Amino acid sequence: MAYRTVYGDPQNGFDIDLPWEYHNDYRLRNTIYPLFHALPMFLLKWTGLDTNFAIRVCPYVVHSLLVIVGDLYLWRIGKNTVGKEATMVAFVFYLTNRVQNSLISRPFTNSVEEILTIVAFWFY
């Protein structure tokens, strides 16, 4: 959706297939997260640095900022609830969890939901 926002509707028979959550029939997802990715893509396009590699890597780089924020808030929650030593042990398990690392690092909307839940829990 971010690519379509930056570069418009496809031309020359090349079609960009959106996930079903974004189709007009369902509209389950908000467009804020794709627009969060579209802003750096607009910047790359405006500066002329929008190579195939840069556009392909851009969502991962932008999403990594959110992952860092989620990790910081998870550290704060752990430190306040179980202490620093137990949080350090928990982070060893958290950072070596293969499934967690393979899913949280991808720019999925569900990853953002997990991160925002962690941040919301801190403010709860």
Protein backbone atom coordinates (compact mmCIF):
# COMPACT_ATOMS: atom_id res chain seq x y z
CA MET A 1 0.00 0.00 0.00
CA ALA A 2 2.89 2.37 0.72
CA TYR A 3 4.38 1.71 -2.70
CA ARG A 4 1.05 2.42 -4.37
CA THR A 5 0.72 5.63 -2.36
CA VAL A 6 4.13 6.90 -3.50
CA TYR A 7 4.16 5.75 -7.11
CA GLY A 8 0.45 5.73 -7.92
CA ASP A 9 -1.53 3.09 -9.74
CA PRO A 10 0.51 0.63 -11.74
CA GLN A 11 1.02 1.11 -15.43
CA ASN A 12 1.94 -1.16 -18.33
CA GLY A 13 -0.03 -4.12 -17.01
CA PHE A 14 1.97 -4.33 -13.77
CA ASP A 15 -0.43 -4.68 -10.88
CA ILE A 16 0.27 -4.38 -7.17
CA ASP A 17 -1.86 -6.80 -5.21
CA LEU A 18 -2.87 -5.46 -1.83
CA PRO A 19 -3.47 -7.73 1.15
CA TRP A 20 -7.11 -8.58 1.65
CA GLU A 21 -7.34 -6.41 4.78
CA TYR A 22 -6.92 -3.28 2.66
CA HIS A 23 -9.44 -4.06 -0.08
CA ASN A 24 -12.51 -1.88 -0.24
CA ASP A 25 -14.79 -4.83 0.50
CA TYR A 26 -13.26 -5.45 3.94
CA ARG A 27 -11.22 -2.46 5.14
CA LEU A 28 -10.03 -4.10 8.33
CA ARG A 29 -6.73 -2.28 8.62
CA ASN A 30 -5.98 1.36 9.16
CA THR A 31 -3.80 3.14 6.62
CA ILE A 32 -1.61 4.90 9.20
CA TYR A 33 1.04 2.16 9.26
CA PRO A 34 1.45 2.02 5.45
CA LEU A 35 1.65 5.82 5.38
CA PHE A 36 4.39 5.58 8.02
CA HIS A 37 6.33 3.61 5.39
CA ALA A 38 5.33 5.90 2.55
CA LEU A 39 6.97 9.00 4.06
CA PRO A 40 10.57 7.73 3.70
CA MET A 41 9.70 6.40 0.24
CA PHE A 42 8.49 9.86 -0.74
CA LEU A 43 11.79 11.23 0.54
CA LEU A 44 13.77 8.69 -1.49
CA LYS A 45 11.72 9.49 -4.59
CA TRP A 46 12.10 13.23 -4.09
CA THR A 47 15.89 12.98 -3.74
CA GLY A 48 16.21 10.59 -6.67
CA LEU A 49 17.66 7.83 -4.51
CA ASP A 50 14.73 5.48 -5.08
CA THR A 51 16.62 2.51 -6.44
CA ASN A 52 15.09 -0.94 -6.36
CA PHE A 53 17.25 -1.88 -3.39
CA ALA A 54 16.44 1.29 -1.43
CA ILE A 55 12.70 0.91 -1.92
CA ARG A 56 12.86 -2.78 -1.00
CA VAL A 57 14.85 -2.17 2.21
CA CYS A 58 13.06 1.02 3.29
CA PRO A 59 10.12 -0.68 5.10
CA TYR A 60 12.51 -2.87 7.09
CA VAL A 61 14.63 0.09 8.19
CA VAL A 62 11.60 2.15 9.19
CA HIS A 63 10.03 -0.82 10.99
CA SER A 64 13.24 -1.43 12.93
CA LEU A 65 12.73 1.92 14.65
CA LEU A 66 9.41 0.66 16.01
CA VAL A 67 11.03 -2.60 17.12
CA ILE A 68 13.62 -0.63 19.10
CA VAL A 69 10.86 1.38 20.78
CA GLY A 70 9.03 -1.84 21.68
CA ASP A 71 12.19 -3.36 23.14
CA LEU A 72 12.86 -0.26 25.23
CA TYR A 73 9.37 -0.31 26.70
CA LEU A 74 9.57 -4.06 27.33
CA TRP A 75 12.82 -3.46 29.22
CA ARG A 76 11.17 -0.75 31.31
CA ILE A 77 8.19 -2.97 32.12
CA GLY A 78 10.41 -5.85 33.14
CA LYS A 79 12.70 -3.69 35.24
CA ASN A 80 9.76 -2.18 37.13
CA THR A 81 7.89 -5.45 37.68
CA VAL A 82 10.50 -8.18 38.26
CA GLY A 83 13.79 -6.30 38.59
CA LYS A 84 16.84 -5.77 36.45
CA GLU A 85 18.43 -9.22 36.84
CA ALA A 86 15.26 -11.13 35.93
CA THR A 87 14.67 -8.81 32.99
CA MET A 88 18.18 -9.50 31.72
CA VAL A 89 17.49 -13.25 31.82
CA ALA A 90 14.14 -12.73 30.10
CA PHE A 91 15.78 -10.66 27.37
CA VAL A 92 18.26 -13.45 26.68
CA PHE A 93 15.30 -15.74 26.00
CA TYR A 94 13.47 -13.00 24.10
CA LEU A 95 16.41 -12.14 21.85
CA THR A 96 17.29 -15.77 21.11
CA ASN A 97 13.73 -16.81 20.26
CA ARG A 98 13.90 -17.76 16.58
CA VAL A 99 10.17 -17.37 15.88
CA GLN A 100 9.92 -14.01 17.64
CA ASN A 101 12.96 -12.64 15.80
CA SER A 102 11.79 -13.86 12.40
CA LEU A 103 8.34 -12.29 12.79
CA ILE A 104 9.01 -9.06 14.71
CA SER A 105 11.70 -7.94 12.27
CA ARG A 106 9.32 -8.04 9.30
CA PRO A 107 7.14 -5.01 8.62
CA PHE A 108 3.85 -6.77 9.33
CA THR A 109 0.88 -4.97 10.82
CA ASN A 110 0.66 -7.67 13.49
CA SER A 111 4.20 -6.80 14.59
CA VAL A 112 3.12 -3.21 15.10
CA GLU A 113 0.12 -4.40 17.10
CA GLU A 114 2.48 -6.32 19.40
CA ILE A 115 4.76 -3.31 19.82
CA LEU A 116 1.87 -0.95 20.53
CA THR A 117 0.45 -3.41 23.06
CA ILE A 118 3.77 -3.41 24.91
CA VAL A 119 3.86 0.41 24.91
CA ALA A 120 0.22 0.58 26.06
CA PHE A 121 0.95 -1.88 28.87
CA TRP A 122 3.68 0.46 30.10
CA PHE A 123 1.18 3.30 30.38
CA TYR A 124 -1.42 1.06 32.02
